[in-house]
């Protein structure tokens, strides 16, 4: 699992696995899930990260929550 934070965009990208991108699902305006062709999630994009992030309905919530805690990112809901 990899973590990237873009301070200028206030966005986090968590890479779950290294597979080729096929499509994206928008959960809402601040949360998106990227999928491989086999419909397995490969990454999660979280916008407005400095305000805290909502992990509800995202894959691998516990692992993402642990990763965000290591980077001092507030989790609002999981």
C-alpha atoms as a PDB file:
ATOM      1  CA  UNK A   1       0.000   0.000   0.000  1.00  0.00           C
ATOM      2  CA  UNK A   2       1.405   3.393  -0.983  1.00  0.00           C
ATOM      3  CA  UNK A   3       0.491   6.890   0.229  1.00  0.00           C
ATOM      4  CA  UNK A   4       0.846  10.125  -1.743  1.00  0.00           C
ATOM      5  CA  UNK A   5      -0.281  13.575  -0.609  1.00  0.00           C
ATOM      6  CA  UNK A   6      -0.472  16.548  -2.973  1.00  0.00           C
ATOM      7  CA  UNK A   7      -0.438  19.623  -0.720  1.00  0.00           C
ATOM      8  CA  UNK A   8      -1.427  22.023  -3.514  1.00  0.00           C
ATOM      9  CA  UNK A   9      -4.495  19.948  -4.452  1.00  0.00           C
ATOM     10  CA  UNK A  10      -5.103  18.890  -0.822  1.00  0.00           C
ATOM     11  CA  UNK A  11      -5.546  15.355  -2.147  1.00  0.00           C
ATOM     12  CA  UNK A  12      -4.430  11.924  -0.999  1.00  0.00           C
ATOM     13  CA  UNK A  13      -3.994   8.910  -3.216  1.00  0.00           C
ATOM     14  CA  UNK A  14      -3.693   5.489  -1.607  1.00  0.00           C
ATOM     15  CA  UNK A  15      -2.476   2.805  -3.998  1.00  0.00           C
ATOM     16  CA  UNK A  16      -3.834  -0.544  -2.886  1.00  0.00           C
ATOM     17  CA  UNK A  17      -2.243  -2.778  -5.558  1.00  0.00           C
ATOM     18  CA  UNK A  18      -0.134  -2.462  -8.656  1.00  0.00           C
ATOM     19  CA  UNK A  19      -2.488  -3.337 -11.477  1.00  0.00           C
ATOM     20  CA  UNK A  20      -3.457  -1.407 -14.577  1.00  0.00           C
ATOM     21  CA  UNK A  21      -6.228   1.176 -14.221  1.00  0.00           C
ATOM     22  CA  UNK A  22      -9.480   0.364 -16.045  1.00  0.00           C
ATOM     23  CA  UNK A  23     -12.145   2.668 -14.617  1.00  0.00           C
ATOM     24  CA  UNK A  24     -13.146   4.921 -11.712  1.00  0.00           C
ATOM     25  CA  UNK A  25     -16.176   5.105  -9.453  1.00  0.00           C
ATOM     26  CA  UNK A  26     -17.058   8.417  -7.806  1.00  0.00           C
ATOM     27  CA  UNK A  27     -18.478   7.846  -4.353  1.00  0.00           C
ATOM     28  CA  UNK A  28     -19.042  11.608  -3.970  1.00  0.00           C
ATOM     29  CA  UNK A  29     -17.215  14.819  -4.879  1.00  0.00           C
ATOM     30  CA  UNK A  30     -14.413  14.070  -2.386  1.00  0.00           C
ATOM     31  CA  UNK A  31     -13.922  10.297  -2.742  1.00  0.00           C
ATOM     32  CA  UNK A  32     -13.122   8.097  -5.740  1.00  0.00           C
ATOM     33  CA  UNK A  33     -12.118   4.468  -6.212  1.00  0.00           C
ATOM     34  CA  UNK A  34      -9.969   3.262  -9.122  1.00  0.00           C
ATOM     35  CA  UNK A  35     -10.453  -0.295 -10.382  1.00  0.00           C
ATOM     36  CA  UNK A  36      -8.587  -2.811 -12.522  1.00  0.00           C
ATOM     37  CA  UNK A  37     -10.351  -4.612 -15.377  1.00  0.00           C
ATOM     38  CA  UNK A  38     -11.187  -7.515 -13.028  1.00  0.00           C
ATOM     39  CA  UNK A  39     -13.185  -5.039 -10.875  1.00  0.00           C
ATOM     40  CA  UNK A  40     -10.762  -5.208  -7.964  1.00  0.00           C
ATOM     41  CA  UNK A  41      -9.989  -1.823  -6.368  1.00  0.00           C
ATOM     42  CA  UNK A  42      -6.464  -0.607  -7.038  1.00  0.00           C
ATOM     43  CA  UNK A  43      -6.535   2.869  -5.488  1.00  0.00           C
ATOM     44  CA  UNK A  44      -8.498   5.464  -3.574  1.00  0.00           C
ATOM     45  CA  UNK A  45      -8.433   9.242  -4.066  1.00  0.00           C
ATOM     46  CA  UNK A  46      -9.474  11.467  -1.162  1.00  0.00           C
ATOM     47  CA  UNK A  47      -9.941  15.201  -1.733  1.00  0.00           C
ATOM     48  CA  UNK A  48     -10.036  18.019   0.864  1.00  0.00           C
ATOM     49  CA  UNK A  49      -7.777  15.845   3.012  1.00  0.00           C
ATOM     50  CA  UNK A  50      -6.730  18.588   5.423  1.00  0.00           C
ATOM     51  CA  UNK A  51     -10.335  18.754   6.673  1.00  0.00           C
ATOM     52  CA  UNK A  52     -10.317  15.018   7.451  1.00  0.00           C
ATOM     53  CA  UNK A  53     -11.487  12.083   5.365  1.00  0.00           C
ATOM     54  CA  UNK A  54     -14.527   9.812   5.303  1.00  0.00           C
ATOM     55  CA  UNK A  55     -13.636   6.158   4.749  1.00  0.00           C
ATOM     56  CA  UNK A  56     -17.188   4.786   4.662  1.00  0.00           C
ATOM     57  CA  UNK A  57     -17.907   2.555   1.656  1.00  0.00           C
ATOM     58  CA  UNK A  58     -14.228   2.374   0.689  1.00  0.00           C
ATOM     59  CA  UNK A  59     -12.237  -0.843   0.274  1.00  0.00           C
ATOM     60  CA  UNK A  60      -9.684  -1.829   2.924  1.00  0.00           C
ATOM     61  CA  UNK A  61     -10.925   0.796   5.384  1.00  0.00           C
ATOM     62  CA  UNK A  62      -8.927  -0.486   8.362  1.00  0.00           C
ATOM     63  CA  UNK A  63      -5.626  -0.560   6.478  1.00  0.00           C
ATOM     64  CA  UNK A  64      -6.269   2.883   4.966  1.00  0.00           C
ATOM     65  CA  UNK A  65      -7.200   4.264   8.390  1.00  0.00           C
ATOM     66  CA  UNK A  66      -3.940   2.937   9.869  1.00  0.00           C
ATOM     67  CA  UNK A  67      -1.942   4.442   7.001  1.00  0.00           C
ATOM     68  CA  UNK A  68      -3.644   7.843   7.362  1.00  0.00           C
ATOM     69  CA  UNK A  69      -3.003   7.818  11.112  1.00  0.00           C
ATOM     70  CA  UNK A  70       0.709   7.319  10.437  1.00  0.00           C
ATOM     71  CA  UNK A  71       0.602  10.494   8.317  1.00  0.00           C
ATOM     72  CA  UNK A  72      -1.474  12.444  10.889  1.00  0.00           C
ATOM     73  CA  UNK A  73      -4.561  12.657   8.646  1.00  0.00           C
ATOM     74  CA  UNK A  74      -7.839  12.912  10.531  1.00  0.00           C
ATOM     75  CA  UNK A  75     -10.422  10.192   9.797  1.00  0.00           C
ATOM     76  CA  UNK A  76     -13.969  11.519  10.179  1.00  0.00           C
ATOM     77  CA  UNK A  77     -15.853   8.253   9.646  1.00  0.00           C
ATOM     78  CA  UNK A  78     -15.045   4.666   8.823  1.00  0.00           C
END
